[in-house]
Amino acid sequence: VKAQWIPSGLVSVKGTVAQFKPAPEGKVDALFLTDGTEVHF
């Protein structure tokens, strides 16, 4: 919920990477920022 809307309609989040999140089958599909924000890819 700490995301900020910028005029173009995109969402911008600034933070520091805390760790990567493991996914099934040994893959990784997300990372956590130090504030708890989860970013998926």
PDB file of all heavy atoms in Angstrom:
ATOM      1  N   VAL A   1       0.813  -1.215   0.000  1.00  0.00           N
ATOM      2  CA  VAL A   1       0.000   0.000   0.000  1.00  0.00           C
ATOM      3  C   VAL A   1       0.846   1.264   0.000  1.00  0.00           C
ATOM      4  O   VAL A   1       0.318   2.350  -0.124  1.00  0.00           O
ATOM      5  CB  VAL A   1      -0.970   0.023   1.204  1.00  0.00           C
ATOM      6  CG1 VAL A   1      -1.993  -1.058   1.083  1.00  0.00           C
ATOM      7  CG2 VAL A   1      -0.214  -0.056   2.507  1.00  0.00           C
ATOM      8  N   LYS A   2       2.165   1.142   0.120  1.00  0.00           N
ATOM      9  CA  LYS A   2       3.033   2.310   0.103  1.00  0.00           C
ATOM     10  C   LYS A   2       3.371   2.772  -1.314  1.00  0.00           C
ATOM     11  O   LYS A   2       4.123   3.699  -1.504  1.00  0.00           O
ATOM     12  CB  LYS A   2       4.326   2.010   0.859  1.00  0.00           C
ATOM     13  CG  LYS A   2       4.088   1.776   2.332  1.00  0.00           C
ATOM     14  CD  LYS A   2       5.381   1.503   3.056  1.00  0.00           C
ATOM     15  CE  LYS A   2       5.109   1.235   4.519  1.00  0.00           C
ATOM     16  NZ  LYS A   2       6.317   0.988   5.256  1.00  0.00           N
ATOM     17  N   ALA A   3       2.808   2.121  -2.312  1.00  0.00           N
ATOM     18  CA  ALA A   3       3.070   2.504  -3.698  1.00  0.00           C
ATOM     19  C   ALA A   3       2.562   3.916  -3.954  1.00  0.00           C
ATOM     20  O   ALA A   3       1.585   4.349  -3.350  1.00  0.00           O
ATOM     21  CB  ALA A   3       2.395   1.533  -4.660  1.00  0.00           C
ATOM     22  N   GLN A   4       3.224   4.647  -4.848  1.00  0.00           N
ATOM     23  CA  GLN A   4       2.823   5.997  -5.188  1.00  0.00           C
ATOM     24  C   GLN A   4       2.425   6.043  -6.649  1.00  0.00           C
ATOM     25  O   GLN A   4       3.132   5.515  -7.502  1.00  0.00           O
ATOM     26  CB  GLN A   4       3.976   6.963  -4.955  1.00  0.00           C
ATOM     27  CG  GLN A   4       4.408   7.042  -3.511  1.00  0.00           C
ATOM     28  CD  GLN A   4       5.615   7.947  -3.352  1.00  0.00           C
ATOM     29  OE1 GLN A   4       6.187   8.421  -4.307  1.00  0.00           O
ATOM     30  NE2 GLN A   4       5.993   8.189  -2.114  1.00  0.00           N
ATOM     31  N   TRP A   5       1.304   6.684  -6.942  1.00  0.00           N
ATOM     32  CA  TRP A   5       0.883   6.861  -8.332  1.00  0.00           C
ATOM     33  C   TRP A   5       1.562   8.101  -8.878  1.00  0.00           C
ATOM     34  O   TRP A   5       1.579   9.148  -8.245  1.00  0.00           O
ATOM     35  CB  TRP A   5      -0.630   7.001  -8.418  1.00  0.00           C
ATOM     36  CG  TRP A   5      -1.305   5.728  -8.075  1.00  0.00           C
ATOM     37  CD1 TRP A   5      -1.814   5.370  -6.853  1.00  0.00           C
ATOM     38  CD2 TRP A   5      -1.492   4.613  -8.920  1.00  0.00           C
ATOM     39  NE1 TRP A   5      -2.313   4.098  -6.901  1.00  0.00           N
ATOM     40  CE2 TRP A   5      -2.129   3.607  -8.157  1.00  0.00           C
ATOM     41  CE3 TRP A   5      -1.186   4.342 -10.242  1.00  0.00           C
ATOM     42  CZ2 TRP A   5      -2.468   2.377  -8.689  1.00  0.00           C
ATOM     43  CZ3 TRP A   5      -1.544   3.116 -10.756  1.00  0.00           C
ATOM     44  CH2 TRP A   5      -2.167   2.145 -10.002  1.00  0.00           C
ATOM     45  N   ILE A   6       2.122   7.966 -10.056  1.00  0.00           N
ATOM     46  CA  ILE A   6       2.743   9.114 -10.708  1.00  0.00           C
ATOM     47  C   ILE A   6       1.841   9.541 -11.860  1.00  0.00           C
ATOM     48  O   ILE A   6       1.006   8.757 -12.312  1.00  0.00           O
ATOM     49  CB  ILE A   6       4.191   8.804 -11.155  1.00  0.00           C
ATOM     50  CG1 ILE A   6       4.255   7.556 -12.025  1.00  0.00           C
ATOM     51  CG2 ILE A   6       5.089   8.627  -9.948  1.00  0.00           C
ATOM     52  CD1 ILE A   6       5.638   7.247 -12.537  1.00  0.00           C
ATOM     53  N   PRO A   7       1.949  10.765 -12.360  1.00  0.00           N
ATOM     54  CA  PRO A   7       0.997  11.303 -13.336  1.00  0.00           C
ATOM     55  C   PRO A   7       0.722  10.423 -14.554  1.00  0.00           C
ATOM     56  O   PRO A   7      -0.374  10.425 -15.063  1.00  0.00           O
ATOM     57  CB  PRO A   7       1.634  12.631 -13.752  1.00  0.00           C
ATOM     58  CG  PRO A   7       2.446  13.034 -12.575  1.00  0.00           C
ATOM     59  CD  PRO A   7       2.949  11.741 -11.977  1.00  0.00           C
ATOM     60  N   SER A   8       1.680   9.672 -15.017  1.00  0.00           N
ATOM     61  CA  SER A   8       1.467   8.866 -16.217  1.00  0.00           C
ATOM     62  C   SER A   8       0.558   7.670 -15.947  1.00  0.00           C
ATOM     63  O   SER A   8       0.176   6.962 -16.865  1.00  0.00           O
ATOM     64  CB  SER A   8       2.806   8.368 -16.766  1.00  0.00           C
ATOM     65  OG  SER A   8       3.383   7.466 -15.842  1.00  0.00           O
ATOM     66  N   GLY A   9       0.212   7.425 -14.674  1.00  0.00           N
ATOM     67  CA  GLY A   9      -0.635   6.293 -14.335  1.00  0.00           C
ATOM     68  C   GLY A   9       0.160   5.068 -13.926  1.00  0.00           C
ATOM     69  O   GLY A   9      -0.400   4.067 -13.521  1.00  0.00           O
ATOM     70  N   LEU A  10       1.474   5.137 -14.015  1.00  0.00           N
ATOM     71  CA  LEU A  10       2.318   4.035 -13.587  1.00  0.00           C
ATOM     72  C   LEU A  10       2.544   4.115 -12.084  1.00  0.00           C
ATOM     73  O   LEU A  10       2.392   5.157 -11.479  1.00  0.00           O
ATOM     74  CB  LEU A  10       3.664   4.073 -14.310  1.00  0.00           C
ATOM     75  CG  LEU A  10       3.630   3.935 -15.821  1.00  0.00           C
ATOM     76  CD1 LEU A  10       5.028   4.121 -16.407  1.00  0.00           C
ATOM     77  CD2 LEU A  10       3.065   2.591 -16.217  1.00  0.00           C
ATOM     78  N   VAL A  11       2.914   3.013 -11.491  1.00  0.00           N
ATOM     79  CA  VAL A  11       3.204   2.971 -10.066  1.00  0.00           C
ATOM     80  C   VAL A  11       4.709   2.965  -9.882  1.00  0.00           C
ATOM     81  O   VAL A  11       5.427   2.260 -10.576  1.00  0.00           O
ATOM     82  CB  VAL A  11       2.591   1.705  -9.435  1.00  0.00           C
ATOM     83  CG1 VAL A  11       2.943   1.615  -7.966  1.00  0.00           C
ATOM     84  CG2 VAL A  11       1.096   1.697  -9.628  1.00  0.00           C
ATOM     85  N   SER A  12       5.184   3.760  -8.929  1.00  0.00           N
ATOM     86  CA  SER A  12       6.614   3.835  -8.651  1.00  0.00           C
ATOM     87  C   SER A  12       6.858   3.487  -7.191  1.00  0.00           C
ATOM     88  O   SER A  12       6.187   4.014  -6.309  1.00  0.00           O
ATOM     89  CB  SER A  12       7.111   5.250  -8.938  1.00  0.00           C
ATOM     90  OG  SER A  12       8.449   5.389  -8.547  1.00  0.00           O
ATOM     91  N   VAL A  13       7.815   2.590  -6.963  1.00  0.00           N
ATOM     92  CA  VAL A  13       8.195   2.215  -5.606  1.00  0.00           C
ATOM     93  C   VAL A  13       9.712   2.286  -5.517  1.00  0.00           C
ATOM     94  O   VAL A  13      10.416   1.742  -6.360  1.00  0.00           O
ATOM     95  CB  VAL A  13       7.725   0.785  -5.252  1.00  0.00           C
ATOM     96  CG1 VAL A  13       8.217   0.366  -3.892  1.00  0.00           C
ATOM     97  CG2 VAL A  13       6.216   0.705  -5.316  1.00  0.00           C
ATOM     98  N   LYS A  14      10.209   2.968  -4.485  1.00  0.00           N
ATOM     99  CA  LYS A  14      11.641   3.064  -4.253  1.00  0.00           C
ATOM    100  C   LYS A  14      11.968   2.326  -2.967  1.00  0.00           C
ATOM    101  O   LYS A  14      11.232   2.450  -1.983  1.00  0.00           O
ATOM    102  CB  LYS A  14      12.072   4.525  -4.123  1.00  0.00           C
ATOM    103  CG  LYS A  14      13.551   4.722  -3.881  1.00  0.00           C
ATOM    104  CD  LYS A  14      13.880   6.197  -3.797  1.00  0.00           C
ATOM    105  CE  LYS A  14      15.354   6.388  -3.529  1.00  0.00           C
ATOM    106  NZ  LYS A  14      15.711   7.810  -3.456  1.00  0.00           N
ATOM    107  N   GLY A  15      13.021   1.549  -2.975  1.00  0.00           N
ATOM    108  CA  GLY A  15      13.400   0.844  -1.764  1.00  0.00           C
ATOM    109  C   GLY A  15      14.711   0.115  -1.915  1.00  0.00           C
ATOM    110  O   GLY A  15      15.362   0.178  -2.957  1.00  0.00           O
ATOM    111  N   THR A  16      15.081  -0.586  -0.866  1.00  0.00           N
ATOM    112  CA  THR A  16      16.324  -1.345  -0.834  1.00  0.00           C
ATOM    113  C   THR A  16      15.996  -2.830  -0.841  1.00  0.00           C
ATOM    114  O   THR A  16      15.143  -3.280  -0.070  1.00  0.00           O
ATOM    115  CB  THR A  16      17.138  -0.996   0.427  1.00  0.00           C
ATOM    116  OG1 THR A  16      17.362   0.420   0.429  1.00  0.00           O
ATOM    117  CG2 THR A  16      18.468  -1.717   0.452  1.00  0.00           C
ATOM    118  N   VAL A  17      16.671  -3.581  -1.698  1.00  0.00           N
ATOM    119  CA  VAL A  17      16.437  -5.019  -1.800  1.00  0.00           C
ATOM    120  C   VAL A  17      16.885  -5.695  -0.504  1.00  0.00           C
ATOM    121  O   VAL A  17      18.014  -5.506  -0.055  1.00  0.00           O
ATOM    122  CB  VAL A  17      17.199  -5.628  -2.997  1.00  0.00           C
ATOM    123  CG1 VAL A  17      17.018  -7.136  -3.048  1.00  0.00           C
ATOM    124  CG2 VAL A  17      16.736  -4.988  -4.305  1.00  0.00           C
ATOM    125  N   ALA A  18      15.983  -6.483   0.086  1.00  0.00           N
ATOM    126  CA  ALA A  18      16.307  -7.235   1.298  1.00  0.00           C
ATOM    127  C   ALA A  18      16.732  -8.653   0.935  1.00  0.00           C
ATOM    128  O   ALA A  18      17.768  -9.134   1.392  1.00  0.00           O
ATOM    129  CB  ALA A  18      15.119  -7.276   2.246  1.00  0.00           C
ATOM    130  N   GLN A  19      15.917  -9.324   0.091  1.00  0.00           N
ATOM    131  CA  GLN A  19      16.229 -10.701  -0.295  1.00  0.00           C
ATOM    132  C   GLN A  19      15.361 -11.121  -1.473  1.00  0.00           C
ATOM    133  O   GLN A  19      14.356 -10.492  -1.771  1.00  0.00           O
ATOM    134  CB  GLN A  19      15.996 -11.657   0.860  1.00  0.00           C
ATOM    135  CG  GLN A  19      14.538 -11.764   1.293  1.00  0.00           C
ATOM    136  CD  GLN A  19      14.366 -12.661   2.508  1.00  0.00           C
ATOM    137  OE1 GLN A  19      15.218 -12.704   3.378  1.00  0.00           O
ATOM    138  NE2 GLN A  19      13.260 -13.370   2.551  1.00  0.00           N
ATOM    139  N   PHE A  20      15.783 -12.189  -2.127  1.00  0.00           N
ATOM    140  CA  PHE A  20      14.987 -12.783  -3.189  1.00  0.00           C
ATOM    141  C   PHE A  20      14.060 -13.828  -2.581  1.00  0.00           C
ATOM    142  O   PHE A  20      14.377 -14.437  -1.561  1.00  0.00           O
ATOM    143  CB  PHE A  20      15.889 -13.429  -4.248  1.00  0.00           C
ATOM    144  CG  PHE A  20      16.640 -12.417  -5.065  1.00  0.00           C
ATOM    145  CD1 PHE A  20      17.963 -12.121  -4.778  1.00  0.00           C
ATOM    146  CD2 PHE A  20      16.022 -11.747  -6.096  1.00  0.00           C
ATOM    147  CE1 PHE A  20      18.657 -11.175  -5.520  1.00  0.00           C
ATOM    148  CE2 PHE A  20      16.696 -10.797  -6.843  1.00  0.00           C
ATOM    149  CZ  PHE A  20      18.029 -10.512  -6.554  1.00  0.00           C
ATOM    150  N   LYS A  21      12.904 -14.024  -3.197  1.00  0.00           N
ATOM    151  CA  LYS A  21      11.911 -14.982  -2.701  1.00  0.00           C
ATOM    152  C   LYS A  21      11.947 -16.241  -3.560  1.00  0.00           C
ATOM    153  O   LYS A  21      11.711 -16.185  -4.761  1.00  0.00           O
ATOM    154  CB  LYS A  21      10.517 -14.368  -2.762  1.00  0.00           C
ATOM    155  CG  LYS A  21       9.429 -15.313  -2.325  1.00  0.00           C
ATOM    156  CD  LYS A  21       8.065 -14.673  -2.517  1.00  0.00           C
ATOM    157  CE  LYS A  21       6.978 -15.684  -2.241  1.00  0.00           C
ATOM    158  NZ  LYS A  21       5.662 -15.164  -2.621  1.00  0.00           N
ATOM    159  N   PRO A  22      12.224 -17.394  -2.958  1.00  0.00           N
ATOM    160  CA  PRO A  22      12.237 -18.634  -3.737  1.00  0.00           C
ATOM    161  C   PRO A  22      10.829 -19.042  -4.156  1.00  0.00           C
ATOM    162  O   PRO A  22       9.860 -18.803  -3.445  1.00  0.00           O
ATOM    163  CB  PRO A  22      12.846 -19.658  -2.783  1.00  0.00           C
ATOM    164  CG  PRO A  22      12.727 -19.074  -1.422  1.00  0.00           C
ATOM    165  CD  PRO A  22      12.600 -17.594  -1.577  1.00  0.00           C
ATOM    166  N   ALA A  23      10.736 -19.632  -5.320  1.00  0.00           N
ATOM    167  CA  ALA A  23       9.473 -20.140  -5.865  1.00  0.00           C
ATOM    168  C   ALA A  23       9.595 -21.659  -6.004  1.00  0.00           C
ATOM    169  O   ALA A  23      10.673 -22.225  -5.819  1.00  0.00           O
ATOM    170  CB  ALA A  23       9.210 -19.497  -7.220  1.00  0.00           C
ATOM    171  N   PRO A  24       8.491 -22.325  -6.333  1.00  0.00           N
ATOM    172  CA  PRO A  24       8.549 -23.780  -6.519  1.00  0.00           C
ATOM    173  C   PRO A  24       9.614 -24.192  -7.536  1.00  0.00           C
ATOM    174  O   PRO A  24       9.978 -23.418  -8.410  1.00  0.00           O
ATOM    175  CB  PRO A  24       7.149 -24.119  -7.033  1.00  0.00           C
ATOM    176  CG  PRO A  24       6.284 -23.019  -6.529  1.00  0.00           C
ATOM    177  CD  PRO A  24       7.154 -21.790  -6.521  1.00  0.00           C
ATOM    178  N   GLU A  25      10.083 -25.400  -7.396  1.00  0.00           N
ATOM    179  CA  GLU A  25      11.068 -26.000  -8.313  1.00  0.00           C
ATOM    180  C   GLU A  25      12.408 -25.272  -8.295  1.00  0.00           C
ATOM    181  O   GLU A  25      13.137 -25.272  -9.282  1.00  0.00           O
ATOM    182  CB  GLU A  25      10.507 -26.070  -9.733  1.00  0.00           C
ATOM    183  CG  GLU A  25       9.228 -26.888  -9.832  1.00  0.00           C
ATOM    184  CD  GLU A  25       8.641 -26.906 -11.223  1.00  0.00           C
ATOM    185  OE1 GLU A  25       9.346 -26.557 -12.188  1.00  0.00           O
ATOM    186  OE2 GLU A  25       7.464 -27.272 -11.338  1.00  0.00           O
ATOM    187  N   GLY A  26      12.737 -24.623  -7.200  1.00  0.00           N
ATOM    188  CA  GLY A  26      14.039 -23.988  -7.067  1.00  0.00           C
ATOM    189  C   GLY A  26      14.229 -22.700  -7.840  1.00  0.00           C
ATOM    190  O   GLY A  26      15.328 -22.184  -7.922  1.00  0.00           O
ATOM    191  N   LYS A  27      13.155 -22.157  -8.413  1.00  0.00           N
ATOM    192  CA  LYS A  27      13.268 -20.902  -9.155  1.00  0.00           C
ATOM    193  C   LYS A  27      12.997 -19.726  -8.221  1.00  0.00           C
ATOM    194  O   LYS A  27      12.629 -19.895  -7.072  1.00  0.00           O
ATOM    195  CB  LYS A  27      12.281 -20.902 -10.316  1.00  0.00           C
ATOM    196  CG  LYS A  27      12.590 -21.991 -11.320  1.00  0.00           C
ATOM    197  CD  LYS A  27      11.704 -21.898 -12.510  1.00  0.00           C
ATOM    198  CE  LYS A  27      12.065 -23.043 -13.457  1.00  0.00           C
ATOM    199  NZ  LYS A  27      11.463 -22.911 -14.740  1.00  0.00           N
ATOM    200  N   VAL A  28      13.189 -18.537  -8.733  1.00  0.00           N
ATOM    201  CA  VAL A  28      12.929 -17.313  -7.982  1.00  0.00           C
ATOM    202  C   VAL A  28      12.045 -16.440  -8.840  1.00  0.00           C
ATOM    203  O   VAL A  28      12.296 -16.281 -10.028  1.00  0.00           O
ATOM    204  CB  VAL A  28      14.249 -16.583  -7.650  1.00  0.00           C
ATOM    205  CG1 VAL A  28      13.979 -15.251  -7.007  1.00  0.00           C
ATOM    206  CG2 VAL A  28      15.112 -17.451  -6.751  1.00  0.00           C
ATOM    207  N   ASP A  29      10.982 -15.885  -8.242  1.00  0.00           N
ATOM    208  CA  ASP A  29      10.082 -15.053  -9.035  1.00  0.00           C
ATOM    209  C   ASP A  29       9.715 -13.737  -8.368  1.00  0.00           C
ATOM    210  O   ASP A  29       8.830 -13.030  -8.812  1.00  0.00           O
ATOM    211  CB  ASP A  29       8.814 -15.815  -9.388  1.00  0.00           C
ATOM    212  CG  ASP A  29       7.955 -16.145  -8.174  1.00  0.00           C
ATOM    213  OD1 ASP A  29       8.376 -15.850  -7.047  1.00  0.00           O
ATOM    214  OD2 ASP A  29       6.861 -16.691  -8.366  1.00  0.00           O
ATOM    215  N   ALA A  30      10.421 -13.399  -7.284  1.00  0.00           N
ATOM    216  CA  ALA A  30      10.110 -12.147  -6.596  1.00  0.00           C
ATOM    217  C   ALA A  30      11.276 -11.728  -5.715  1.00  0.00           C
ATOM    218  O   ALA A  30      12.197 -12.507  -5.478  1.00  0.00           O
ATOM    219  CB  ALA A  30       8.853 -12.312  -5.745  1.00  0.00           C
ATOM    220  N   LEU A  31      11.200 -10.496  -5.265  1.00  0.00           N
ATOM    221  CA  LEU A  31      12.150 -10.014  -4.274  1.00  0.00           C
ATOM    222  C   LEU A  31      11.386  -9.200  -3.251  1.00  0.00           C
ATOM    223  O   LEU A  31      10.274  -8.736  -3.502  1.00  0.00           O
ATOM    224  CB  LEU A  31      13.281  -9.204  -4.914  1.00  0.00           C
ATOM    225  CG  LEU A  31      12.942  -7.961  -5.738  1.00  0.00           C
ATOM    226  CD1 LEU A  31      12.757  -6.738  -4.839  1.00  0.00           C
ATOM    227  CD2 LEU A  31      14.037  -7.701  -6.745  1.00  0.00           C
ATOM    228  N   PHE A  32      11.963  -9.081  -2.072  1.00  0.00           N
ATOM    229  CA  PHE A  32      11.391  -8.261  -1.010  1.00  0.00           C
ATOM    230  C   PHE A  32      12.271  -7.048  -0.804  1.00  0.00           C
ATOM    231  O   PHE A  32      13.496  -7.159  -0.795  1.00  0.00           O
ATOM    232  CB  PHE A  32      11.330  -9.027   0.310  1.00  0.00           C
ATOM    233  CG  PHE A  32      10.303 -10.115   0.341  1.00  0.00           C
ATOM    234  CD1 PHE A  32      10.670 -11.435   0.226  1.00  0.00           C
ATOM    235  CD2 PHE A  32       8.953  -9.802   0.495  1.00  0.00           C
ATOM    236  CE1 PHE A  32       9.730 -12.443   0.266  1.00  0.00           C
ATOM    237  CE2 PHE A  32       7.999 -10.805   0.532  1.00  0.00           C
ATOM    238  CZ  PHE A  32       8.387 -12.132   0.415  1.00  0.00           C
ATOM    239  N   LEU A  33      11.630  -5.902  -0.611  1.00  0.00           N
ATOM    240  CA  LEU A  33      12.347  -4.710  -0.208  1.00  0.00           C
ATOM    241  C   LEU A  33      12.379  -4.680   1.312  1.00  0.00           C
ATOM    242  O   LEU A  33      11.618  -5.387   1.974  1.00  0.00           O
ATOM    243  CB  LEU A  33      11.651  -3.461  -0.761  1.00  0.00           C
ATOM    244  CG  LEU A  33      11.517  -3.391  -2.281  1.00  0.00           C
ATOM    245  CD1 LEU A  33      10.797  -2.111  -2.684  1.00  0.00           C
ATOM    246  CD2 LEU A  33      12.862  -3.500  -2.967  1.00  0.00           C
ATOM    247  N   THR A  34      13.247  -3.862   1.880  1.00  0.00           N
ATOM    248  CA  THR A  34      13.396  -3.830   3.330  1.00  0.00           C
ATOM    249  C   THR A  34      12.121  -3.370   4.046  1.00  0.00           C
ATOM    250  O   THR A  34      11.931  -3.683   5.219  1.00  0.00           O
ATOM    251  CB  THR A  34      14.577  -2.931   3.752  1.00  0.00           C
ATOM    252  OG1 THR A  34      14.394  -1.634   3.179  1.00  0.00           O
ATOM    253  CG2 THR A  34      15.897  -3.525   3.306  1.00  0.00           C
ATOM    254  N   ASP A  35      11.236  -2.657   3.348  1.00  0.00           N
ATOM    255  CA  ASP A  35       9.978  -2.225   3.982  1.00  0.00           C
ATOM    256  C   ASP A  35       8.881  -3.278   3.866  1.00  0.00           C
ATOM    257  O   ASP A  35       7.745  -3.049   4.258  1.00  0.00           O
ATOM    258  CB  ASP A  35       9.502  -0.890   3.410  1.00  0.00           C
ATOM    259  CG  ASP A  35       9.037  -0.982   1.963  1.00  0.00           C
ATOM    260  OD1 ASP A  35       9.104  -2.074   1.350  1.00  0.00           O
ATOM    261  OD2 ASP A  35       8.593   0.050   1.428  1.00  0.00           O
ATOM    262  N   GLY A  36       9.215  -4.449   3.293  1.00  0.00           N
ATOM    263  CA  GLY A  36       8.244  -5.529   3.164  1.00  0.00           C
ATOM    264  C   GLY A  36       7.547  -5.592   1.822  1.00  0.00           C
ATOM    265  O   GLY A  36       6.801  -6.534   1.551  1.00  0.00           O
ATOM    266  N   THR A  37       7.751  -4.603   0.959  1.00  0.00           N
ATOM    267  CA  THR A  37       7.148  -4.625  -0.366  1.00  0.00           C
ATOM    268  C   THR A  37       7.661  -5.837  -1.132  1.00  0.00           C
ATOM    269  O   THR A  37       8.856  -6.114  -1.143  1.00  0.00           O
ATOM    270  CB  THR A  37       7.484  -3.342  -1.146  1.00  0.00           C
ATOM    271  OG1 THR A  37       7.003  -2.222  -0.404  1.00  0.00           O
ATOM    272  CG2 THR A  37       6.866  -3.343  -2.530  1.00  0.00           C
ATOM    273  N   GLU A  38       6.752  -6.551  -1.785  1.00  0.00           N
ATOM    274  CA  GLU A  38       7.106  -7.730  -2.577  1.00  0.00           C
ATOM    275  C   GLU A  38       6.969  -7.376  -4.047  1.00  0.00           C
ATOM    276  O   GLU A  38       5.919  -6.895  -4.476  1.00  0.00           O
ATOM    277  CB  GLU A  38       6.174  -8.883  -2.206  1.00  0.00           C
ATOM    278  CG  GLU A  38       6.532 -10.187  -2.864  1.00  0.00           C
ATOM    279  CD  GLU A  38       5.685 -11.342  -2.326  1.00  0.00           C
ATOM    280  OE1 GLU A  38       4.950 -11.156  -1.322  1.00  0.00           O
ATOM    281  OE2 GLU A  38       5.742 -12.407  -2.917  1.00  0.00           O
ATOM    282  N   VAL A  39       8.024  -7.588  -4.822  1.00  0.00           N
ATOM    283  CA  VAL A  39       8.043  -7.276  -6.245  1.00  0.00           C
ATOM    284  C   VAL A  39       8.178  -8.586  -7.010  1.00  0.00           C
ATOM    285  O   VAL A  39       9.162  -9.305  -6.833  1.00  0.00           O
ATOM    286  CB  VAL A  39       9.220  -6.332  -6.600  1.00  0.00           C
ATOM    287  CG1 VAL A  39       9.222  -6.033  -8.088  1.00  0.00           C
ATOM    288  CG2 VAL A  39       9.150  -5.054  -5.775  1.00  0.00           C
ATOM    289  N   HIS A  40       7.182  -8.901  -7.848  1.00  0.00           N
ATOM    290  CA  HIS A  40       7.206 -10.139  -8.626  1.00  0.00           C
ATOM    291  C   HIS A  40       7.736  -9.897 -10.029  1.00  0.00           C
ATOM    292  O   HIS A  40       7.581  -8.811 -10.589  1.00  0.00           O
ATOM    293  CB  HIS A  40       5.788 -10.715  -8.741  1.00  0.00           C
ATOM    294  CG  HIS A  40       5.323 -11.369  -7.494  1.00  0.00           C
ATOM    295  ND1 HIS A  40       5.362 -12.723  -7.313  1.00  0.00           N
ATOM    296  CD2 HIS A  40       4.833 -10.853  -6.349  1.00  0.00           C
ATOM    297  CE1 HIS A  40       4.908 -13.012  -6.119  1.00  0.00           C
ATOM    298  NE2 HIS A  40       4.584 -11.886  -5.506  1.00  0.00           N
ATOM    299  N   PHE A  41       8.353 -10.919 -10.590  1.00  0.00           N
ATOM    300  CA  PHE A  41       8.823 -10.888 -11.970  1.00  0.00           C
ATOM    301  C   PHE A  41       8.841 -12.321 -12.477  1.00  0.00           C
ATOM    302  O   PHE A  41       8.847 -13.263 -11.693  1.00  0.00           O
ATOM    303  CB  PHE A  41      10.215 -10.241 -12.081  1.00  0.00           C
ATOM    304  CG  PHE A  41      11.220 -10.767 -11.089  1.00  0.00           C
ATOM    305  CD1 PHE A  41      11.960 -11.901 -11.368  1.00  0.00           C
ATOM    306  CD2 PHE A  41      11.414 -10.129  -9.874  1.00  0.00           C
ATOM    307  CE1 PHE A  41      12.876 -12.391 -10.462  1.00  0.00           C
ATOM    308  CE2 PHE A  41      12.332 -10.611  -8.965  1.00  0.00           C
ATOM    309  CZ  PHE A  41      13.067 -11.754  -9.252  1.00  0.00           C
TER     310      PHE A  41
END
